[in-house]
Amino acid sequence: MHVFCHQIYEFKKGVRDMVLCTLSADNEDKVRKRLEGNNICYMIQYLSNNKINVFFGKEECIIVVREMCNDRPLNKLTPEEDFILGTLLGYSVCEQCTRYCKRMKKATCVA
């Protein structure tokens, strides 16, 4: 929860447009209360191992994540969706390009 609170601070200061945090599902009520209390748009994705992914940030970013993820685990995103998500999270564009190329090679080998 300490990291989560720091990520809220960074978001409010404009360091990030969107954040992804994985937490124990036991923290869900606290997370919702904190985000709603700060009027921050969010989406919670339930994971199978009693954990949750919490996406929060600017509304337009969360809208895109809701459309892309659509209750799918992140490892089921297409290479293009993975690239978009990484870019929204503020990851290095060059690193995302490298990741995209690796995922595309893997996809073409499987086909």
PDB file of N, CA and C in Angstrom:
ATOM      1  N   MET A   1       0.831  -1.203   0.000  1.00  0.00           N
ATOM      2  CA  MET A   1       0.000   0.000   0.000  1.00  0.00           C
ATOM      3  C   MET A   1       0.869   1.258   0.000  1.00  0.00           C
ATOM      4  N   HIS A   2       2.072   1.172   0.554  1.00  0.00           N
ATOM      5  CA  HIS A   2       2.957   2.340   0.575  1.00  0.00           C
ATOM      6  C   HIS A   2       3.303   2.772  -0.856  1.00  0.00           C
ATOM      7  N   VAL A   3       3.633   1.799  -1.693  1.00  0.00           N
ATOM      8  CA  VAL A   3       3.958   2.109  -3.094  1.00  0.00           C
ATOM      9  C   VAL A   3       2.729   2.695  -3.792  1.00  0.00           C
ATOM     10  N   PHE A   4       1.571   2.116  -3.531  1.00  0.00           N
ATOM     11  CA  PHE A   4       0.319   2.603  -4.115  1.00  0.00           C
ATOM     12  C   PHE A   4       0.095   4.071  -3.755  1.00  0.00           C
ATOM     13  N   CYS A   5       0.284   4.416  -2.492  1.00  0.00           N
ATOM     14  CA  CYS A   5       0.098   5.813  -2.064  1.00  0.00           C
ATOM     15  C   CYS A   5       1.103   6.737  -2.733  1.00  0.00           C
ATOM     16  N   HIS A   6       2.329   6.244  -2.897  1.00  0.00           N
ATOM     17  CA  HIS A   6       3.340   7.053  -3.590  1.00  0.00           C
ATOM     18  C   HIS A   6       2.959   7.247  -5.063  1.00  0.00           C
ATOM     19  N   GLN A   7       2.394   6.225  -5.673  1.00  0.00           N
ATOM     20  CA  GLN A   7       1.975   6.346  -7.074  1.00  0.00           C
ATOM     21  C   GLN A   7       0.838   7.356  -7.212  1.00  0.00           C
ATOM     22  N   ILE A   8      -0.052   7.424  -6.246  1.00  0.00           N
ATOM     23  CA  ILE A   8      -1.095   8.458  -6.267  1.00  0.00           C
ATOM     24  C   ILE A   8      -0.447   9.838  -6.214  1.00  0.00           C
ATOM     25  N   TYR A   9       0.528   9.989  -5.332  1.00  0.00           N
ATOM     26  CA  TYR A   9       1.255  11.256  -5.223  1.00  0.00           C
ATOM     27  C   TYR A   9       1.873  11.640  -6.569  1.00  0.00           C
ATOM     28  N   GLU A  10       2.563  10.683  -7.214  1.00  0.00           N
ATOM     29  CA  GLU A  10       3.193  10.960  -8.508  1.00  0.00           C
ATOM     30  C   GLU A  10       2.157  11.337  -9.561  1.00  0.00           C
ATOM     31  N   PHE A  11       1.025  10.634  -9.565  1.00  0.00           N
ATOM     32  CA  PHE A  11      -0.031  10.956 -10.532  1.00  0.00           C
ATOM     33  C   PHE A  11      -0.540  12.375 -10.310  1.00  0.00           C
ATOM     34  N   LYS A  12      -0.820  12.708  -9.066  1.00  0.00           N
ATOM     35  CA  LYS A  12      -1.353  14.039  -8.759  1.00  0.00           C
ATOM     36  C   LYS A  12      -0.352  15.148  -9.083  1.00  0.00           C
ATOM     37  N   LYS A  13       0.952  14.844  -9.031  1.00  0.00           N
ATOM     38  CA  LYS A  13       1.985  15.829  -9.362  1.00  0.00           C
ATOM     39  C   LYS A  13       2.262  15.886 -10.866  1.00  0.00           C
ATOM     40  N   GLY A  14       1.621  15.014 -11.641  1.00  0.00           N
ATOM     41  CA  GLY A  14       1.793  15.041 -13.093  1.00  0.00           C
ATOM     42  C   GLY A  14       2.971  14.241 -13.615  1.00  0.00           C
ATOM     43  N   VAL A  15       3.572  13.415 -12.760  1.00  0.00           N
ATOM     44  CA  VAL A  15       4.705  12.592 -13.186  1.00  0.00           C
ATOM     45  C   VAL A  15       4.235  11.501 -14.145  1.00  0.00           C
ATOM     46  N   ARG A  16       3.030  10.993 -13.915  1.00  0.00           N
ATOM     47  CA  ARG A  16       2.468   9.917 -14.735  1.00  0.00           C
ATOM     48  C   ARG A  16       1.038  10.269 -15.142  1.00  0.00           C
ATOM     49  N   ASP A  17       0.640   9.772 -16.306  1.00  0.00           N
ATOM     50  CA  ASP A  17      -0.752   9.915 -16.738  1.00  0.00           C
ATOM     51  C   ASP A  17      -1.583   8.716 -16.297  1.00  0.00           C
ATOM     52  N   MET A  18      -0.891   7.569 -16.150  1.00  0.00           N
ATOM     53  CA  MET A  18      -1.589   6.351 -15.756  1.00  0.00           C
ATOM     54  C   MET A  18      -0.624   5.454 -14.993  1.00  0.00           C
ATOM     55  N   VAL A  19      -1.184   4.679 -14.072  1.00  0.00           N
ATOM     56  CA  VAL A  19      -0.392   3.807 -13.207  1.00  0.00           C
ATOM     57  C   VAL A  19      -1.030   2.419 -13.176  1.00  0.00           C
ATOM     58  N   LEU A  20      -0.190   1.393 -13.069  1.00  0.00           N
ATOM     59  CA  LEU A  20      -0.639   0.023 -12.828  1.00  0.00           C
ATOM     60  C   LEU A  20       0.038  -0.457 -11.558  1.00  0.00           C
ATOM     61  N   CYS A  21      -0.754  -0.934 -10.622  1.00  0.00           N
ATOM     62  CA  CYS A  21      -0.232  -1.443  -9.354  1.00  0.00           C
ATOM     63  C   CYS A  21      -0.904  -2.786  -9.076  1.00  0.00           C
ATOM     64  N   THR A  22      -0.118  -3.798  -8.724  1.00  0.00           N
ATOM     65  CA  THR A  22      -0.659  -5.103  -8.361  1.00  0.00           C
ATOM     66  C   THR A  22      -0.610  -5.231  -6.846  1.00  0.00           C
ATOM     67  N   LEU A  23      -1.762  -5.530  -6.261  1.00  0.00           N
ATOM     68  CA  LEU A  23      -1.896  -5.593  -4.807  1.00  0.00           C
ATOM     69  C   LEU A  23      -2.683  -6.822  -4.391  1.00  0.00           C
ATOM     70  N   SER A  24      -2.631  -7.128  -3.113  1.00  0.00           N
ATOM     71  CA  SER A  24      -3.468  -8.183  -2.551  1.00  0.00           C
ATOM     72  C   SER A  24      -4.928  -7.752  -2.661  1.00  0.00           C
ATOM     73  N   ALA A  25      -5.790  -8.690  -2.977  1.00  0.00           N
ATOM     74  CA  ALA A  25      -7.219  -8.382  -3.095  1.00  0.00           C
ATOM     75  C   ALA A  25      -7.802  -7.907  -1.764  1.00  0.00           C
ATOM     76  N   ASP A  26      -7.134  -8.218  -0.671  1.00  0.00           N
ATOM     77  CA  ASP A  26      -7.582  -7.751   0.647  1.00  0.00           C
ATOM     78  C   ASP A  26      -7.588  -6.226   0.746  1.00  0.00           C
ATOM     79  N   ASN A  27      -6.820  -5.571  -0.098  1.00  0.00           N
ATOM     80  CA  ASN A  27      -6.711  -4.105  -0.067  1.00  0.00           C
ATOM     81  C   ASN A  27      -7.741  -3.392  -0.943  1.00  0.00           C
ATOM     82  N   GLU A  28      -8.602  -4.141  -1.602  1.00  0.00           N
ATOM     83  CA  GLU A  28      -9.510  -3.539  -2.586  1.00  0.00           C
ATOM     84  C   GLU A  28     -10.359  -2.405  -2.003  1.00  0.00           C
ATOM     85  N   ASP A  29     -10.945  -2.598  -0.852  1.00  0.00           N
ATOM     86  CA  ASP A  29     -11.789  -1.542  -0.270  1.00  0.00           C
ATOM     87  C   ASP A  29     -10.989  -0.272   0.013  1.00  0.00           C
ATOM     88  N   LYS A  30      -9.797  -0.429   0.575  1.00  0.00           N
ATOM     89  CA  LYS A  30      -8.936   0.731   0.854  1.00  0.00           C
ATOM     90  C   LYS A  30      -8.558   1.455  -0.436  1.00  0.00           C
ATOM     91  N   VAL A  31      -8.246   0.671  -1.471  1.00  0.00           N
ATOM     92  CA  VAL A  31      -7.858   1.242  -2.767  1.00  0.00           C
ATOM     93  C   VAL A  31      -9.004   2.051  -3.349  1.00  0.00           C
ATOM     94  N   ARG A  32     -10.191   1.448  -3.372  1.00  0.00           N
ATOM     95  CA  ARG A  32     -11.354   2.155  -3.912  1.00  0.00           C
ATOM     96  C   ARG A  32     -11.625   3.452  -3.148  1.00  0.00           C
ATOM     97  N   LYS A  33     -11.580   3.367  -1.832  1.00  0.00           N
ATOM     98  CA  LYS A  33     -11.846   4.535  -0.992  1.00  0.00           C
ATOM     99  C   LYS A  33     -10.825   5.648  -1.266  1.00  0.00           C
ATOM    100  N   ARG A  34      -9.559   5.277  -1.379  1.00  0.00           N
ATOM    101  CA  ARG A  34      -8.502   6.270  -1.599  1.00  0.00           C
ATOM    102  C   ARG A  34      -8.630   6.928  -2.973  1.00  0.00           C
ATOM    103  N   LEU A  35      -8.875   6.117  -4.001  1.00  0.00           N
ATOM    104  CA  LEU A  35      -8.987   6.662  -5.360  1.00  0.00           C
ATOM    105  C   LEU A  35     -10.247   7.516  -5.501  1.00  0.00           C
ATOM    106  N   GLU A  36     -11.356   7.034  -4.991  1.00  0.00           N
ATOM    107  CA  GLU A  36     -12.601   7.805  -5.074  1.00  0.00           C
ATOM    108  C   GLU A  36     -12.497   9.086  -4.254  1.00  0.00           C
ATOM    109  N   GLY A  37     -11.838   9.023  -3.099  1.00  0.00           N
ATOM    110  CA  GLY A  37     -11.647  10.203  -2.271  1.00  0.00           C
ATOM    111  C   GLY A  37     -10.794  11.267  -2.942  1.00  0.00           C
ATOM    112  N   ASN A  38      -9.906  10.829  -3.855  1.00  0.00           N
ATOM    113  CA  ASN A  38      -9.060  11.754  -4.609  1.00  0.00           C
ATOM    114  C   ASN A  38      -9.624  12.052  -5.994  1.00  0.00           C
ATOM    115  N   ASN A  39     -10.842  11.544  -6.254  1.00  0.00           N
ATOM    116  CA  ASN A  39     -11.508  11.758  -7.542  1.00  0.00           C
ATOM    117  C   ASN A  39     -10.625  11.316  -8.718  1.00  0.00           C
ATOM    118  N   ILE A  40     -10.058  10.119  -8.583  1.00  0.00           N
ATOM    119  CA  ILE A  40      -9.173   9.561  -9.612  1.00  0.00           C
ATOM    120  C   ILE A  40      -9.898   8.408 -10.298  1.00  0.00           C
ATOM    121  N   CYS A  41      -9.909   8.442 -11.605  1.00  0.00           N
ATOM    122  CA  CYS A  41     -10.521   7.384 -12.411  1.00  0.00           C
ATOM    123  C   CYS A  41      -9.687   6.103 -12.269  1.00  0.00           C
ATOM    124  N   TYR A  42     -10.360   4.943 -12.181  1.00  0.00           N
ATOM    125  CA  TYR A  42      -9.622   3.695 -12.006  1.00  0.00           C
ATOM    126  C   TYR A  42     -10.392   2.508 -12.571  1.00  0.00           C
ATOM    127  N   MET A  43      -9.666   1.414 -12.688  1.00  0.00           N
ATOM    128  CA  MET A  43     -10.239   0.137 -13.089  1.00  0.00           C
ATOM    129  C   MET A  43      -9.520  -0.950 -12.293  1.00  0.00           C
ATOM    130  N   ILE A  44     -10.267  -1.885 -11.772  1.00  0.00           N
ATOM    131  CA  ILE A  44      -9.670  -3.006 -11.044  1.00  0.00           C
ATOM    132  C   ILE A  44      -9.872  -4.279 -11.854  1.00  0.00           C
ATOM    133  N   GLN A  45      -8.793  -5.008 -12.013  1.00  0.00           N
ATOM    134  CA  GLN A  45      -8.807  -6.287 -12.726  1.00  0.00           C
ATOM    135  C   GLN A  45      -8.472  -7.372 -11.706  1.00  0.00           C
ATOM    136  N   TYR A  46      -9.323  -8.373 -11.604  1.00  0.00           N
ATOM    137  CA  TYR A  46      -9.132  -9.447 -10.632  1.00  0.00           C
ATOM    138  C   TYR A  46      -8.236 -10.533 -11.218  1.00  0.00           C
ATOM    139  N   LEU A  47      -7.228 -10.924 -10.455  1.00  0.00           N
ATOM    140  CA  LEU A  47      -6.303 -11.955 -10.877  1.00  0.00           C
ATOM    141  C   LEU A  47      -6.620 -13.243 -10.118  1.00  0.00           C
ATOM    142  N   SER A  48      -6.168 -14.361 -10.622  1.00  0.00           N
ATOM    143  CA  SER A  48      -6.555 -15.649 -10.049  1.00  0.00           C
ATOM    144  C   SER A  48      -5.879 -15.965  -8.725  1.00  0.00           C
ATOM    145  N   ASN A  49      -4.795 -15.305  -8.382  1.00  0.00           N
ATOM    146  CA  ASN A  49      -4.049 -15.659  -7.174  1.00  0.00           C
ATOM    147  C   ASN A  49      -4.315 -14.698  -6.011  1.00  0.00           C
ATOM    148  N   ASN A  50      -5.584 -14.301  -5.844  1.00  0.00           N
ATOM    149  CA  ASN A  50      -6.006 -13.403  -4.765  1.00  0.00           C
ATOM    150  C   ASN A  50      -5.301 -12.051  -4.821  1.00  0.00           C
ATOM    151  N   LYS A  51      -5.030 -11.622  -6.037  1.00  0.00           N
ATOM    152  CA  LYS A  51      -4.410 -10.324  -6.259  1.00  0.00           C
ATOM    153  C   LYS A  51      -5.282  -9.526  -7.217  1.00  0.00           C
ATOM    154  N   ILE A  52      -5.062  -8.225  -7.225  1.00  0.00           N
ATOM    155  CA  ILE A  52      -5.769  -7.348  -8.156  1.00  0.00           C
ATOM    156  C   ILE A  52      -4.762  -6.450  -8.861  1.00  0.00           C
ATOM    157  N   ASN A  53      -5.055  -6.161 -10.108  1.00  0.00           N
ATOM    158  CA  ASN A  53      -4.350  -5.113 -10.835  1.00  0.00           C
ATOM    159  C   ASN A  53      -5.204  -3.863 -10.717  1.00  0.00           C
ATOM    160  N   VAL A  54      -4.604  -2.783 -10.284  1.00  0.00           N
ATOM    161  CA  VAL A  54      -5.301  -1.511 -10.173  1.00  0.00           C
ATOM    162  C   VAL A  54      -4.699  -0.558 -11.184  1.00  0.00           C
ATOM    163  N   PHE A  55      -5.495  -0.189 -12.172  1.00  0.00           N
ATOM    164  CA  PHE A  55      -5.105   0.823 -13.140  1.00  0.00           C
ATOM    165  C   PHE A  55      -5.759   2.120 -12.683  1.00  0.00           C
ATOM    166  N   PHE A  56      -5.007   3.199 -12.614  1.00  0.00           N
ATOM    167  CA  PHE A  56      -5.634   4.477 -12.304  1.00  0.00           C
ATOM    168  C   PHE A  56      -4.887   5.601 -12.992  1.00  0.00           C
ATOM    169  N   GLY A  57      -5.637   6.682 -13.233  1.00  0.00           N
ATOM    170  CA  GLY A  57      -5.024   7.826 -13.898  1.00  0.00           C
ATOM    171  C   GLY A  57      -6.055   8.659 -14.623  1.00  0.00           C
ATOM    172  N   LYS A  58      -5.603   9.279 -15.694  1.00  0.00           N
ATOM    173  CA  LYS A  58      -6.490  10.140 -16.468  1.00  0.00           C
ATOM    174  C   LYS A  58      -7.593   9.307 -17.108  1.00  0.00           C
ATOM    175  N   GLU A  59      -8.767   9.892 -17.125  1.00  0.00           N
ATOM    176  CA  GLU A  59      -9.946   9.158 -17.590  1.00  0.00           C
ATOM    177  C   GLU A  59      -9.774   8.594 -18.991  1.00  0.00           C
ATOM    178  N   GLU A  60      -9.208   9.380 -19.909  1.00  0.00           N
ATOM    179  CA  GLU A  60      -9.068   8.903 -21.284  1.00  0.00           C
ATOM    180  C   GLU A  60      -8.150   7.685 -21.369  1.00  0.00           C
ATOM    181  N   CYS A  61      -7.151   7.589 -20.505  1.00  0.00           N
ATOM    182  CA  CYS A  61      -6.277   6.413 -20.473  1.00  0.00           C
ATOM    183  C   CYS A  61      -7.030   5.196 -19.948  1.00  0.00           C
ATOM    184  N   ILE A  62      -7.800   5.391 -18.899  1.00  0.00           N
ATOM    185  CA  ILE A  62      -8.548   4.276 -18.297  1.00  0.00           C
ATOM    186  C   ILE A  62      -9.611   3.767 -19.269  1.00  0.00           C
ATOM    187  N   ILE A  63     -10.214   4.649 -20.031  1.00  0.00           N
ATOM    188  CA  ILE A  63     -11.200   4.227 -21.032  1.00  0.00           C
ATOM    189  C   ILE A  63     -10.542   3.284 -22.038  1.00  0.00           C
ATOM    190  N   VAL A  64      -9.346   3.616 -22.497  1.00  0.00           N
ATOM    191  CA  VAL A  64      -8.633   2.768 -23.456  1.00  0.00           C
ATOM    192  C   VAL A  64      -8.311   1.416 -22.821  1.00  0.00           C
ATOM    193  N   VAL A  65      -7.845   1.424 -21.578  1.00  0.00           N
ATOM    194  CA  VAL A  65      -7.511   0.169 -20.894  1.00  0.00           C
ATOM    195  C   VAL A  65      -8.758  -0.702 -20.736  1.00  0.00           C
ATOM    196  N   ARG A  66      -9.875  -0.103 -20.379  1.00  0.00           N
ATOM    197  CA  ARG A  66     -11.122  -0.882 -20.240  1.00  0.00           C
ATOM    198  C   ARG A  66     -11.485  -1.552 -21.563  1.00  0.00           C
ATOM    199  N   GLU A  67     -11.352  -0.816 -22.645  1.00  0.00           N
ATOM    200  CA  GLU A  67     -11.676  -1.371 -23.967  1.00  0.00           C
ATOM    201  C   GLU A  67     -10.725  -2.508 -24.341  1.00  0.00           C
ATOM    202  N   MET A  68      -9.430  -2.314 -24.090  1.00  0.00           N
ATOM    203  CA  MET A  68      -8.438  -3.312 -24.498  1.00  0.00           C
ATOM    204  C   MET A  68      -8.463  -4.555 -23.631  1.00  0.00           C
ATOM    205  N   CYS A  69      -8.490  -4.374 -22.343  1.00  0.00           N
ATOM    206  CA  CYS A  69      -8.365  -5.516 -21.431  1.00  0.00           C
ATOM    207  C   CYS A  69      -9.635  -6.345 -21.391  1.00  0.00           C
ATOM    208  N   ASN A  70     -10.783  -5.686 -21.304  1.00  0.00           N
ATOM    209  CA  ASN A  70     -12.066  -6.381 -21.399  1.00  0.00           C
ATOM    210  C   ASN A  70     -12.056  -7.718 -20.663  1.00  0.00           C
ATOM    211  N   ASP A  71     -11.599  -7.707 -19.410  1.00  0.00           N
ATOM    212  CA  ASP A  71     -11.539  -8.901 -18.554  1.00  0.00           C
ATOM    213  C   ASP A  71     -10.560  -9.971 -19.043  1.00  0.00           C
ATOM    214  N   ARG A  72      -9.614  -9.589 -19.886  1.00  0.00           N
ATOM    215  CA  ARG A  72      -8.576 -10.528 -20.316  1.00  0.00           C
ATOM    216  C   ARG A  72      -7.329 -10.307 -19.475  1.00  0.00           C
ATOM    217  N   PRO A  73      -6.611 -11.373 -19.137  1.00  0.00           N
ATOM    218  CA  PRO A  73      -5.338 -11.175 -18.450  1.00  0.00           C
ATOM    219  C   PRO A  73      -4.357 -10.443 -19.371  1.00  0.00           C
ATOM    220  N   LEU A  74      -3.427  -9.719 -18.772  1.00  0.00           N
ATOM    221  CA  LEU A  74      -2.507  -8.909 -19.573  1.00  0.00           C
ATOM    222  C   LEU A  74      -1.646  -9.755 -20.506  1.00  0.00           C
ATOM    223  N   ASN A  75      -1.360 -10.996 -20.136  1.00  0.00           N
ATOM    224  CA  ASN A  75      -0.545 -11.836 -21.015  1.00  0.00           C
ATOM    225  C   ASN A  75      -1.312 -12.330 -22.240  1.00  0.00           C
ATOM    226  N   LYS A  76      -2.595 -12.016 -22.313  1.00  0.00           N
ATOM    227  CA  LYS A  76      -3.406 -12.384 -23.485  1.00  0.00           C
ATOM    228  C   LYS A  76      -3.607 -11.201 -24.440  1.00  0.00           C
ATOM    229  N   LEU A  77      -3.006 -10.051 -24.134  1.00  0.00           N
ATOM    230  CA  LEU A  77      -3.113  -8.910 -25.040  1.00  0.00           C
ATOM    231  C   LEU A  77      -2.331  -9.186 -26.312  1.00  0.00           C
ATOM    232  N   THR A  78      -2.805  -8.636 -27.403  1.00  0.00           N
ATOM    233  CA  THR A  78      -2.052  -8.751 -28.662  1.00  0.00           C
ATOM    234  C   THR A  78      -0.772  -7.933 -28.528  1.00  0.00           C
ATOM    235  N   PRO A  79       0.212  -8.165 -29.387  1.00  0.00           N
ATOM    236  CA  PRO A  79       1.419  -7.336 -29.339  1.00  0.00           C
ATOM    237  C   PRO A  79       1.103  -5.837 -29.466  1.00  0.00           C
ATOM    238  N   GLU A  80       0.123  -5.515 -30.276  1.00  0.00           N
ATOM    239  CA  GLU A  80      -0.257  -4.103 -30.445  1.00  0.00           C
ATOM    240  C   GLU A  80      -0.873  -3.534 -29.168  1.00  0.00           C
ATOM    241  N   GLU A  81      -1.762  -4.301 -28.542  1.00  0.00           N
ATOM    242  CA  GLU A  81      -2.387  -3.856 -27.296  1.00  0.00           C
ATOM    243  C   GLU A  81      -1.347  -3.722 -26.182  1.00  0.00           C
ATOM    244  N   ASP A  82      -0.422  -4.662 -26.125  1.00  0.00           N
ATOM    245  CA  ASP A  82       0.653  -4.622 -25.142  1.00  0.00           C
ATOM    246  C   ASP A  82       1.503  -3.362 -25.336  1.00  0.00           C
ATOM    247  N   PHE A  83       1.773  -3.025 -26.577  1.00  0.00           N
ATOM    248  CA  PHE A  83       2.548  -1.824 -26.903  1.00  0.00           C
ATOM    249  C   PHE A  83       1.811  -0.568 -26.425  1.00  0.00           C
ATOM    250  N   ILE A  84       0.537  -0.498 -26.723  1.00  0.00           N
ATOM    251  CA  ILE A  84      -0.272   0.656 -26.313  1.00  0.00           C
ATOM    252  C   ILE A  84      -0.300   0.765 -24.792  1.00  0.00           C
ATOM    253  N   LEU A  85      -0.532  -0.346 -24.113  1.00  0.00           N
ATOM    254  CA  LEU A  85      -0.594  -0.324 -22.649  1.00  0.00           C
ATOM    255  C   LEU A  85       0.730   0.153 -22.060  1.00  0.00           C
ATOM    256  N   GLY A  86       1.832  -0.382 -22.539  1.00  0.00           N
ATOM    257  CA  GLY A  86       3.145   0.033 -22.041  1.00  0.00           C
ATOM    258  C   GLY A  86       3.396   1.514 -22.267  1.00  0.00           C
ATOM    259  N   THR A  87       2.986   2.005 -23.414  1.00  0.00           N
ATOM    260  CA  THR A  87       3.154   3.425 -23.724  1.00  0.00           C
ATOM    261  C   THR A  87       2.291   4.282 -22.804  1.00  0.00           C
ATOM    262  N   LEU A  88       1.052   3.862 -22.553  1.00  0.00           N
ATOM    263  CA  LEU A  88       0.181   4.598 -21.636  1.00  0.00           C
ATOM    264  C   LEU A  88       0.758   4.639 -20.223  1.00  0.00           C
ATOM    265  N   LEU A  89       1.453   3.571 -19.847  1.00  0.00           N
ATOM    266  CA  LEU A  89       2.052   3.512 -18.515  1.00  0.00           C
ATOM    267  C   LEU A  89       3.355   4.307 -18.423  1.00  0.00           C
ATOM    268  N   GLY A  90       3.778   4.862 -19.546  1.00  0.00           N
ATOM    269  CA  GLY A  90       4.964   5.714 -19.539  1.00  0.00           C
ATOM    270  C   GLY A  90       6.270   4.972 -19.712  1.00  0.00           C
ATOM    271  N   TYR A  91       6.201   3.719 -20.162  1.00  0.00           N
ATOM    272  CA  TYR A  91       7.421   2.960 -20.378  1.00  0.00           C
ATOM    273  C   TYR A  91       8.148   3.532 -21.596  1.00  0.00           C
ATOM    274  N   SER A  92       9.432   3.316 -21.668  1.00  0.00           N
ATOM    275  CA  SER A  92      10.253   3.800 -22.771  1.00  0.00           C
ATOM    276  C   SER A  92       9.678   3.321 -24.109  1.00  0.00           C
ATOM    277  N   VAL A  93       9.496   4.248 -25.025  1.00  0.00           N
ATOM    278  CA  VAL A  93       8.961   3.890 -26.340  1.00  0.00           C
ATOM    279  C   VAL A  93       9.914   2.932 -27.047  1.00  0.00           C
ATOM    280  N   CYS A  94      11.216   3.166 -26.924  1.00  0.00           N
ATOM    281  CA  CYS A  94      12.186   2.266 -27.565  1.00  0.00           C
ATOM    282  C   CYS A  94      12.101   0.863 -26.969  1.00  0.00           C
ATOM    283  N   GLU A  95      11.957   0.771 -25.649  1.00  0.00           N
ATOM    284  CA  GLU A  95      11.811  -0.541 -25.010  1.00  0.00           C
ATOM    285  C   GLU A  95      10.517  -1.214 -25.456  1.00  0.00           C
ATOM    286  N   GLN A  96       9.464  -0.434 -25.618  1.00  0.00           N
ATOM    287  CA  GLN A  96       8.195  -0.996 -26.091  1.00  0.00           C
ATOM    288  C   GLN A  96       8.340  -1.502 -27.524  1.00  0.00           C
ATOM    289  N   CYS A  97       9.095  -0.796 -28.338  1.00  0.00           N
ATOM    290  CA  CYS A  97       9.334  -1.252 -29.717  1.00  0.00           C
ATOM    291  C   CYS A  97      10.079  -2.584 -29.716  1.00  0.00           C
ATOM    292  N   THR A  98      11.100  -2.704 -28.875  1.00  0.00           N
ATOM    293  CA  THR A  98      11.857  -3.951 -28.767  1.00  0.00           C
ATOM    294  C   THR A  98      10.945  -5.078 -28.304  1.00  0.00           C
ATOM    295  N   ARG A  99      10.136  -4.804 -27.284  1.00  0.00           N
ATOM    296  CA  ARG A  99       9.201  -5.805 -26.763  1.00  0.00           C
ATOM    297  C   ARG A  99       8.204  -6.225 -27.839  1.00  0.00           C
ATOM    298  N   TYR A 100       7.683  -5.249 -28.583  1.00  0.00           N
ATOM    299  CA  TYR A 100       6.733  -5.529 -29.665  1.00  0.00           C
ATOM    300  C   TYR A 100       7.369  -6.453 -30.704  1.00  0.00           C
ATOM    301  N   CYS A 101       8.585  -6.141 -31.119  1.00  0.00           N
ATOM    302  CA  CYS A 101       9.262  -6.960 -32.132  1.00  0.00           C
ATOM    303  C   CYS A 101       9.476  -8.388 -31.636  1.00  0.00           C
ATOM    304  N   LYS A 102       9.873  -8.533 -30.377  1.00  0.00           N
ATOM    305  CA  LYS A 102      10.054  -9.879 -29.811  1.00  0.00           C
ATOM    306  C   LYS A 102       8.741 -10.645 -29.785  1.00  0.00           C
ATOM    307  N   ARG A 103       7.685  -9.966 -29.391  1.00  0.00           N
ATOM    308  CA  ARG A 103       6.369 -10.632 -29.317  1.00  0.00           C
ATOM    309  C   ARG A 103       5.871 -10.992 -30.722  1.00  0.00           C
ATOM    310  N   MET A 104       6.149 -10.159 -31.697  1.00  0.00           N
ATOM    311  CA  MET A 104       5.737 -10.455 -33.067  1.00  0.00           C
ATOM    312  C   MET A 104       6.491 -11.660 -33.606  1.00  0.00           C
ATOM    313  N   LYS A 105       7.782 -11.753 -33.320  1.00  0.00           N
ATOM    314  CA  LYS A 105       8.552 -12.921 -33.767  1.00  0.00           C
ATOM    315  C   LYS A 105       8.007 -14.177 -33.132  1.00  0.00           C
ATOM    316  N   LYS A 106       7.682 -14.110 -31.858  1.00  0.00           N
ATOM    317  CA  LYS A 106       7.129 -15.272 -31.163  1.00  0.00           C
ATOM    318  C   LYS A 106       5.775 -15.635 -31.770  1.00  0.00           C
ATOM    319  N   ALA A 107       4.969 -14.632 -32.108  1.00  0.00           N
ATOM    320  CA  ALA A 107       3.648 -14.887 -32.685  1.00  0.00           C
ATOM    321  C   ALA A 107       3.787 -15.536 -34.058  1.00  0.00           C
ATOM    322  N   THR A 108       4.773 -15.112 -34.840  1.00  0.00           N
ATOM    323  CA  THR A 108       4.922 -15.684 -36.186  1.00  0.00           C
ATOM    324  C   THR A 108       5.500 -17.092 -36.110  1.00  0.00           C
ATOM    325  N   CYS A 109       6.289 -17.395 -35.080  1.00  0.00           N
ATOM    326  CA  CYS A 109       6.837 -18.742 -34.928  1.00  0.00           C
ATOM    327  C   CYS A 109       5.748 -19.738 -34.534  1.00  0.00           C
ATOM    328  N   VAL A 110       4.776 -19.277 -33.760  1.00  0.00           N
ATOM    329  CA  VAL A 110       3.703 -20.158 -33.302  1.00  0.00           C
ATOM    330  C   VAL A 110       2.731 -20.465 -34.427  1.00  0.00           C
ATOM    331  N   ALA A 111       2.498 -19.502 -35.285  1.00  0.00           N
ATOM    332  CA  ALA A 111       1.478 -19.652 -36.342  1.00  0.00           C
ATOM    333  C   ALA A 111       1.793 -20.687 -37.366  1.00  0.00           C
TER     334      ALA A 111
END
